[in-house]
C-alpha atoms as a PDB file:
ATOM      1  CA  MET A   1     -21.632  -6.131  11.906  1.00  0.00           C
ATOM      2  CA  THR A   2     -18.671  -8.426  11.867  1.00  0.00           C
ATOM      3  CA  LEU A   3     -18.354 -11.518   9.491  1.00  0.00           C
ATOM      4  CA  ARG A   4     -19.726 -13.603  12.553  1.00  0.00           C
ATOM      5  CA  ASP A   5     -22.957 -12.087  11.939  1.00  0.00           C
ATOM      6  CA  TRP A   6     -23.109 -13.044   8.260  1.00  0.00           C
ATOM      7  CA  PRO A   7     -24.873 -16.081   7.174  1.00  0.00           C
ATOM      8  CA  ALA A   8     -22.657 -18.929   7.414  1.00  0.00           C
ATOM      9  CA  ALA A   9     -22.903 -19.771   3.734  1.00  0.00           C
ATOM     10  CA  GLU A  10     -21.446 -16.263   2.865  1.00  0.00           C
ATOM     11  CA  ARG A  11     -18.499 -16.271   5.211  1.00  0.00           C
ATOM     12  CA  PRO A  12     -15.298 -16.568   3.305  1.00  0.00           C
ATOM     13  CA  ARG A  13     -13.886 -19.230   5.450  1.00  0.00           C
ATOM     14  CA  GLU A  14     -16.780 -21.453   5.139  1.00  0.00           C
ATOM     15  CA  LYS A  15     -17.148 -20.570   1.509  1.00  0.00           C
ATOM     16  CA  LEU A  16     -13.620 -21.559   0.966  1.00  0.00           C
ATOM     17  CA  LEU A  17     -13.949 -25.008   2.758  1.00  0.00           C
ATOM     18  CA  ARG A  18     -17.078 -25.843   0.935  1.00  0.00           C
ATOM     19  CA  GLN A  19     -16.389 -24.550  -2.639  1.00  0.00           C
ATOM     20  CA  GLY A  20     -12.725 -24.216  -2.562  1.00  0.00           C
ATOM     21  CA  ALA A  21     -10.427 -21.052  -2.843  1.00  0.00           C
ATOM     22  CA  GLY A  22     -11.011 -20.287  -6.454  1.00  0.00           C
ATOM     23  CA  ALA A  23     -14.639 -19.521  -5.630  1.00  0.00           C
ATOM     24  CA  LEU A  24     -13.659 -16.616  -3.505  1.00  0.00           C
ATOM     25  CA  SER A  25     -13.527 -12.940  -4.925  1.00  0.00           C
ATOM     26  CA  ASP A  26     -10.154 -10.904  -4.251  1.00  0.00           C
ATOM     27  CA  ALA A  27     -11.671  -9.133  -1.305  1.00  0.00           C
ATOM     28  CA  GLU A  28     -12.684 -12.466   0.207  1.00  0.00           C
ATOM     29  CA  LEU A  29      -9.282 -13.811  -0.172  1.00  0.00           C
ATOM     30  CA  LEU A  30      -7.674 -10.766   1.307  1.00  0.00           C
ATOM     31  CA  ALA A  31     -10.068 -10.941   4.152  1.00  0.00           C
ATOM     32  CA  LEU A  32      -8.950 -14.441   5.187  1.00  0.00           C
ATOM     33  CA  TRP A  33      -5.279 -12.908   5.141  1.00  0.00           C
ATOM     34  CA  LEU A  34      -6.100 -10.148   7.347  1.00  0.00           C
ATOM     35  CA  GLY A  35      -7.954 -12.458   9.848  1.00  0.00           C
ATOM     36  CA  SER A  36     -10.183  -9.714  11.201  1.00  0.00           C
ATOM     37  CA  GLY A  37     -11.245  -6.184  10.491  1.00  0.00           C
ATOM     38  CA  CYS A  38     -11.170  -2.800  12.305  1.00  0.00           C
ATOM     39  CA  PRO A  39     -13.557  -1.067  14.678  1.00  0.00           C
ATOM     40  CA  GLY A  40     -16.508  -0.231  12.435  1.00  0.00           C
ATOM     41  CA  SER A  41     -15.366  -2.472   9.485  1.00  0.00           C
ATOM     42  CA  ASP A  42     -15.197  -6.222   9.139  1.00  0.00           C
ATOM     43  CA  ALA A  43     -12.374  -7.799   7.192  1.00  0.00           C
ATOM     44  CA  VAL A  44     -14.022  -7.900   3.916  1.00  0.00           C
ATOM     45  CA  ALA A  45     -14.863  -4.131   3.984  1.00  0.00           C
ATOM     46  CA  VAL A  46     -11.231  -3.485   4.922  1.00  0.00           C
ATOM     47  CA  ALA A  47     -10.142  -5.791   1.982  1.00  0.00           C
ATOM     48  CA  ARG A  48     -12.344  -3.965  -0.439  1.00  0.00           C
ATOM     49  CA  GLY A  49     -10.964  -0.696   0.844  1.00  0.00           C
ATOM     50  CA  LEU A  50      -7.576  -1.701   0.062  1.00  0.00           C
ATOM     51  CA  LEU A  51      -8.084  -2.931  -3.287  1.00  0.00           C
ATOM     52  CA  GLN A  52      -9.906   0.312  -4.086  1.00  0.00           C
ATOM     53  CA  GLN A  53      -7.014   2.441  -2.783  1.00  0.00           C
ATOM     54  CA  TYR A  54      -4.360   0.552  -4.755  1.00  0.00           C
ATOM     55  CA  GLY A  55      -6.479  -0.124  -7.798  1.00  0.00           C
ATOM     56  CA  SER A  56      -5.740  -3.845  -8.277  1.00  0.00           C
ATOM     57  CA  LEU A  57      -4.649  -6.760  -6.298  1.00  0.00           C
ATOM     58  CA  ARG A  58      -1.165  -6.992  -7.943  1.00  0.00           C
ATOM     59  CA  ALA A  59      -0.599  -3.276  -7.116  1.00  0.00           C
ATOM     60  CA  LEU A  60      -1.611  -4.092  -3.358  1.00  0.00           C
ATOM     61  CA  LEU A  61       0.476  -7.249  -3.172  1.00  0.00           C
ATOM     62  CA  THR A  62       3.779  -5.382  -4.546  1.00  0.00           C
ATOM     63  CA  ALA A  63       3.132  -1.930  -2.664  1.00  0.00           C
ATOM     64  CA  PRO A  64       6.078  -0.730  -0.601  1.00  0.00           C
ATOM     65  CA  ALA A  65       6.508  -1.742   3.123  1.00  0.00           C
ATOM     66  CA  ASP A  66       6.032   1.867   4.262  1.00  0.00           C
ATOM     67  CA  SER A  67       2.856   2.555   2.122  1.00  0.00           C
ATOM     68  CA  LEU A  68       1.059  -0.783   3.241  1.00  0.00           C
ATOM     69  CA  CYS A  69       2.294  -0.537   6.869  1.00  0.00           C
ATOM     70  CA  ALA A  70       0.526   2.815   7.184  1.00  0.00           C
ATOM     71  CA  ARG A  71      -2.866   1.689   5.853  1.00  0.00           C
ATOM     72  CA  ARG A  72      -5.753   1.231   8.340  1.00  0.00           C
ATOM     73  CA  GLY A  73      -6.214  -2.528   8.895  1.00  0.00           C
ATOM     74  CA  VAL A  74      -2.578  -3.668   7.776  1.00  0.00           C
ATOM     75  CA  GLY A  75       0.390  -2.587   9.850  1.00  0.00           C
ATOM     76  CA  PRO A  76       3.783  -4.272  10.161  1.00  0.00           C
ATOM     77  CA  ALA A  77       2.497  -7.619  11.575  1.00  0.00           C
ATOM     78  CA  ARG A  78       0.046  -8.190   8.487  1.00  0.00           C
ATOM     79  CA  TYR A  79       2.581  -6.746   6.094  1.00  0.00           C
ATOM     80  CA  SER A  80       4.889  -9.437   7.279  1.00  0.00           C
ATOM     81  CA  ARG A  81       2.482 -12.123   6.992  1.00  0.00           C
ATOM     82  CA  LEU A  82       1.678 -11.002   3.356  1.00  0.00           C
ATOM     83  CA  GLN A  83       5.240 -11.150   2.504  1.00  0.00           C
ATOM     84  CA  ALA A  84       5.643 -14.574   4.067  1.00  0.00           C
ATOM     85  CA  SER A  85       2.855 -15.734   1.706  1.00  0.00           C
ATOM     86  CA  LEU A  86       4.229 -14.340  -1.217  1.00  0.00           C
ATOM     87  CA  GLU A  87       7.482 -16.064  -0.536  1.00  0.00           C
ATOM     88  CA  LEU A  88       5.847 -19.257   0.250  1.00  0.00           C
ATOM     89  CA  CYS A  89       4.207 -19.143  -3.346  1.00  0.00           C
ATOM     90  CA  ARG A  90       7.739 -18.619  -4.987  1.00  0.00           C
ATOM     91  CA  ARG A  91       9.252 -21.480  -2.967  1.00  0.00           C
ATOM     92  CA  HIS A  92       6.330 -23.728  -4.226  1.00  0.00           C
ATOM     93  CA  TYR A  93       7.073 -23.043  -7.798  1.00  0.00           C
ATOM     94  CA  LEU A  94      10.730 -23.662  -7.203  1.00  0.00           C
ATOM     95  CA  GLU A  95      10.098 -27.066  -5.718  1.00  0.00           C
ATOM     96  CA  THR A  96       8.135 -27.776  -8.751  1.00  0.00           C
ATOM     97  CA  LEU A  97      11.119 -27.083 -10.920  1.00  0.00           C
ATOM     98  CA  GLN A  98      13.164 -29.423  -8.707  1.00  0.00           C
ATOM     99  CA  CYS A  99      11.126 -32.471  -9.238  1.00  0.00           C
ATOM    100  CA  GLY A 100      12.471 -33.409 -12.699  1.00  0.00           C
ATOM    101  CA  PRO A 101      14.206 -32.077 -15.948  1.00  0.00           C
ATOM    102  CA  VAL A 102      13.571 -28.502 -16.335  1.00  0.00           C
ATOM    103  CA  LEU A 103      13.082 -28.735 -20.179  1.00  0.00           C
ATOM    104  CA  SER A 104      10.081 -31.014 -19.447  1.00  0.00           C
ATOM    105  CA  SER A 105       8.298 -28.473 -17.226  1.00  0.00           C
ATOM    106  CA  PRO A 106       8.399 -25.140 -19.415  1.00  0.00           C
ATOM    107  CA  ASP A 107       5.243 -24.024 -17.727  1.00  0.00           C
ATOM    108  CA  ALA A 108       6.946 -24.367 -14.329  1.00  0.00           C
ATOM    109  CA  VAL A 109       9.930 -22.366 -15.289  1.00  0.00           C
ATOM    110  CA  ARG A 110       7.784 -19.617 -16.647  1.00  0.00           C
ATOM    111  CA  ASP A 111       5.507 -19.584 -13.531  1.00  0.00           C
ATOM    112  CA  TYR A 112       8.549 -19.336 -11.150  1.00  0.00           C
ATOM    113  CA  LEU A 113      10.416 -16.707 -13.238  1.00  0.00           C
ATOM    114  CA  LEU A 114       7.202 -14.578 -13.343  1.00  0.00           C
ATOM    115  CA  ALA A 115       6.780 -14.966  -9.703  1.00  0.00           C
ATOM    116  CA  GLU A 116      10.401 -14.191  -8.942  1.00  0.00           C
ATOM    117  CA  LEU A 117      11.183 -11.376 -11.562  1.00  0.00           C
ATOM    118  CA  ARG A 118       8.053  -9.487 -12.962  1.00  0.00           C
ATOM    119  CA  ASP A 119       7.530  -7.025 -10.234  1.00  0.00           C
ATOM    120  CA  ARG A 120      11.154  -6.016  -9.697  1.00  0.00           C
ATOM    121  CA  ASP A 121      11.687  -2.199 -10.318  1.00  0.00           C
ATOM    122  CA  HIS A 122      15.180  -2.892 -11.736  1.00  0.00           C
ATOM    123  CA  GLU A 123      16.733  -5.289 -14.206  1.00  0.00           C
ATOM    124  CA  VAL A 124      17.819  -8.480 -12.464  1.00  0.00           C
ATOM    125  CA  PHE A 125      20.079 -11.091 -14.435  1.00  0.00           C
ATOM    126  CA  CYS A 126      19.538 -14.724 -13.317  1.00  0.00           C
ATOM    127  CA  CYS A 127      20.715 -18.300 -14.013  1.00  0.00           C
ATOM    128  CA  LEU A 128      19.231 -21.560 -13.714  1.00  0.00           C
ATOM    129  CA  PHE A 129      22.260 -23.947 -13.395  1.00  0.00           C
ATOM    130  CA  LEU A 130      21.376 -27.456 -14.518  1.00  0.00           C
ATOM    131  CA  ASP A 131      23.066 -30.861 -14.326  1.00  0.00           C
ATOM    132  CA  ASN A 132      23.745 -33.217 -17.265  1.00  0.00           C
ATOM    133  CA  ARG A 133      20.106 -34.342 -17.120  1.00  0.00           C
ATOM    134  CA  HIS A 134      18.787 -30.907 -17.166  1.00  0.00           C
ATOM    135  CA  ARG A 135      17.623 -30.991 -13.485  1.00  0.00           C
ATOM    136  CA  LEU A 136      17.672 -27.797 -11.645  1.00  0.00           C
ATOM    137  CA  LEU A 137      20.852 -27.496  -9.308  1.00  0.00           C
ATOM    138  CA  VAL A 138      20.191 -24.060  -8.223  1.00  0.00           C
ATOM    139  CA  PHE A 139      18.877 -20.776  -9.136  1.00  0.00           C
ATOM    140  CA  GLU A 140      20.838 -17.668  -8.555  1.00  0.00           C
ATOM    141  CA  GLU A 141      20.591 -13.922  -9.088  1.00  0.00           C
ATOM    142  CA  LEU A 142      24.005 -12.980 -10.530  1.00  0.00           C
ATOM    143  CA  PHE A 143      23.891  -9.089 -11.496  1.00  0.00           C
ATOM    144  CA  THR A 144      21.486  -6.002 -11.203  1.00  0.00           C
ATOM    145  CA  GLY A 145      21.044  -2.742 -12.852  1.00  0.00           C
ATOM    146  CA  THR A 146      20.897  -2.393 -16.658  1.00  0.00           C
ATOM    147  CA  ILE A 147      21.655  -5.678 -18.348  1.00  0.00           C
ATOM    148  CA  ASP A 148      24.313  -5.139 -21.136  1.00  0.00           C
ATOM    149  CA  GLY A 149      27.892  -5.849 -22.148  1.00  0.00           C
ATOM    150  CA  ALA A 150      29.278  -3.895 -19.485  1.00  0.00           C
ATOM    151  CA  SER A 151      27.171  -5.277 -16.383  1.00  0.00           C
ATOM    152  CA  VAL A 152      27.197  -9.016 -17.074  1.00  0.00           C
ATOM    153  CA  TYR A 153      30.371 -10.528 -16.627  1.00  0.00           C
ATOM    154  CA  PRO A 154      31.203 -13.931 -18.588  1.00  0.00           C
ATOM    155  CA  ARG A 155      34.010 -14.809 -16.279  1.00  0.00           C
ATOM    156  CA  GLU A 156      31.735 -14.469 -13.279  1.00  0.00           C
ATOM    157  CA  VAL A 157      29.069 -16.700 -14.779  1.00  0.00           C
ATOM    158  CA  ILE A 158      31.749 -19.270 -15.679  1.00  0.00           C
ATOM    159  CA  LYS A 159      33.003 -19.165 -12.133  1.00  0.00           C
ATOM    160  CA  ARG A 160      29.313 -19.913 -10.513  1.00  0.00           C
ATOM    161  CA  ALA A 161      28.589 -22.485 -13.034  1.00  0.00           C
ATOM    162  CA  LEU A 162      31.978 -24.413 -12.248  1.00  0.00           C
ATOM    163  CA  SER A 163      31.385 -24.148  -8.837  1.00  0.00           C
ATOM    164  CA  HIS A 164      27.839 -25.711  -9.115  1.00  0.00           C
ATOM    165  CA  ARG A 165      29.328 -28.384 -11.595  1.00  0.00           C
ATOM    166  CA  ALA A 166      26.596 -27.161 -14.005  1.00  0.00           C
ATOM    167  CA  ALA A 167      26.574 -28.940 -17.316  1.00  0.00           C
ATOM    168  CA  ALA A 168      24.172 -26.469 -19.025  1.00  0.00           C
ATOM    169  CA  LEU A 169      22.421 -22.990 -18.170  1.00  0.00           C
ATOM    170  CA  ILE A 170      19.331 -21.101 -18.627  1.00  0.00           C
ATOM    171  CA  PHE A 171      19.583 -17.186 -18.452  1.00  0.00           C
ATOM    172  CA  ALA A 172      16.832 -14.920 -17.508  1.00  0.00           C
ATOM    173  CA  HIS A 173      16.218 -11.437 -16.773  1.00  0.00           C
ATOM    174  CA  ASN A 174      13.336  -8.934 -16.460  1.00  0.00           C
ATOM    175  CA  HIS A 175      12.355  -5.859 -18.540  1.00  0.00           C
ATOM    176  CA  PRO A 176      10.789  -3.493 -15.710  1.00  0.00           C
ATOM    177  CA  SER A 177       9.089  -1.756 -18.532  1.00  0.00           C
ATOM    178  CA  GLY A 178       6.871  -4.857 -18.815  1.00  0.00           C
ATOM    179  CA  VAL A 179       7.601  -5.130 -22.482  1.00  0.00           C
ATOM    180  CA  ALA A 180       9.318  -8.713 -22.843  1.00  0.00           C
ATOM    181  CA  GLU A 181      10.597  -8.179 -26.418  1.00  0.00           C
ATOM    182  CA  PRO A 182      14.434  -8.778 -26.479  1.00  0.00           C
ATOM    183  CA  SER A 183      16.539  -6.064 -27.105  1.00  0.00           C
ATOM    184  CA  GLN A 184      19.697  -5.903 -29.428  1.00  0.00           C
ATOM    185  CA  ALA A 185      21.713  -5.951 -25.951  1.00  0.00           C
ATOM    186  CA  ASP A 186      20.180  -9.008 -24.802  1.00  0.00           C
ATOM    187  CA  GLU A 187      21.136 -10.960 -27.985  1.00  0.00           C
ATOM    188  CA  ILE A 188      24.714  -9.670 -27.967  1.00  0.00           C
ATOM    189  CA  ILE A 189      25.170 -10.580 -24.103  1.00  0.00           C
ATOM    190  CA  THR A 190      23.678 -13.883 -24.853  1.00  0.00           C
ATOM    191  CA  ARG A 191      26.114 -14.644 -27.588  1.00  0.00           C
ATOM    192  CA  ARG A 192      29.057 -13.579 -25.769  1.00  0.00           C
ATOM    193  CA  LEU A 193      28.008 -15.752 -22.652  1.00  0.00           C
ATOM    194  CA  LYS A 194      27.424 -18.747 -24.926  1.00  0.00           C
ATOM    195  CA  ASP A 195      30.810 -18.502 -26.745  1.00  0.00           C
ATOM    196  CA  ALA A 196      32.702 -18.121 -23.268  1.00  0.00           C
ATOM    197  CA  LEU A 197      30.900 -20.994 -21.715  1.00  0.00           C
ATOM    198  CA  ALA A 198      31.257 -23.384 -24.809  1.00  0.00           C
ATOM    199  CA  LEU A 199      35.189 -22.997 -23.807  1.00  0.00           C
ATOM    200  CA  VAL A 200      34.570 -25.019 -20.704  1.00  0.00           C
ATOM    201  CA  ASP A 201      31.863 -27.328 -22.323  1.00  0.00           C
ATOM    202  CA  ILE A 202      28.904 -25.835 -20.603  1.00  0.00           C
ATOM    203  CA  ARG A 203      25.795 -25.505 -22.917  1.00  0.00           C
ATOM    204  CA  VAL A 204      23.479 -22.481 -22.881  1.00  0.00           C
ATOM    205  CA  ILE A 205      19.861 -23.714 -23.562  1.00  0.00           C
ATOM    206  CA  ASP A 206      17.955 -20.596 -23.335  1.00  0.00           C
ATOM    207  CA  HIS A 207      17.616 -16.822 -22.389  1.00  0.00           C
ATOM    208  CA  LEU A 208      14.251 -16.037 -21.154  1.00  0.00           C
ATOM    209  CA  ILE A 209      13.004 -12.446 -21.085  1.00  0.00           C
ATOM    210  CA  ILE A 210      10.424 -11.657 -18.466  1.00  0.00           C
ATOM    211  CA  GLY A 211       7.803  -8.848 -18.896  1.00  0.00           C
ATOM    212  CA  ASP A 212       4.503  -7.968 -17.423  1.00  0.00           C
ATOM    213  CA  GLY A 213       3.011 -11.378 -17.560  1.00  0.00           C
ATOM    214  CA  ALA A 214       5.018 -12.561 -20.628  1.00  0.00           C
ATOM    215  CA  CYS A 215       8.038 -14.936 -20.971  1.00  0.00           C
ATOM    216  CA  VAL A 216       9.709 -14.731 -24.194  1.00  0.00           C
ATOM    217  CA  SER A 217      12.428 -17.461 -25.227  1.00  0.00           C
ATOM    218  CA  LEU A 218      15.361 -16.342 -27.384  1.00  0.00           C
ATOM    219  CA  ALA A 219      15.689 -20.114 -28.212  1.00  0.00           C
ATOM    220  CA  ALA A 220      12.184 -20.305 -29.392  1.00  0.00           C
ATOM    221  CA  ARG A 221      12.846 -17.136 -31.532  1.00  0.00           C
ATOM    222  CA  GLY A 222      15.935 -18.806 -33.307  1.00  0.00           C
ATOM    223  CA  ARG A 223      18.190 -16.204 -31.761  1.00  0.00           C
ATOM    224  CA  LEU A 224      20.166 -18.199 -29.245  1.00  0.00           C
END
């Protein structure tokens, strides 16, 4: 049986058009992404099999390319389409940030950083460069690896800030462990960067730590 043999009201596409995407299960949404099934299995059955194999939707969406491409019903073409869909989501969040002052959209900042950083398997140190009205000029990944005093260079941050003519910065980095609690090293490098940037009259507004579904603000903790 194919999806065309299902009652019209139960087909994922018709259900989405009638009730909205939120009414669909994970398997039904994946089925729409797949577009079609395999010999002997419709798209929903393939989607359910993928969810069962990987254990969760997030594990499936962040699986390595070689793993997903080798799965029955996926392959390079569908994997590429999946990555394009995820990147569209990230760019959607970024455009939301660019519509007004970043400080007036804390949820948008959190959503974007979680989408961008939460599933990295290594630490990434990023900057949101802001103008004097706290509007986003550009988002950049500056350093990778273990984030400590030896791997984050204040002079490079200052160089990038001046090149963008930034008036203020928000730092962000992820904890691959999933625990968003700031470390002593996080606080030390934040103070070093804040002191260095103050010499060129650039404010540090916050340093956000991204974990597994959590975003902790050093400013909100009174540690900036």
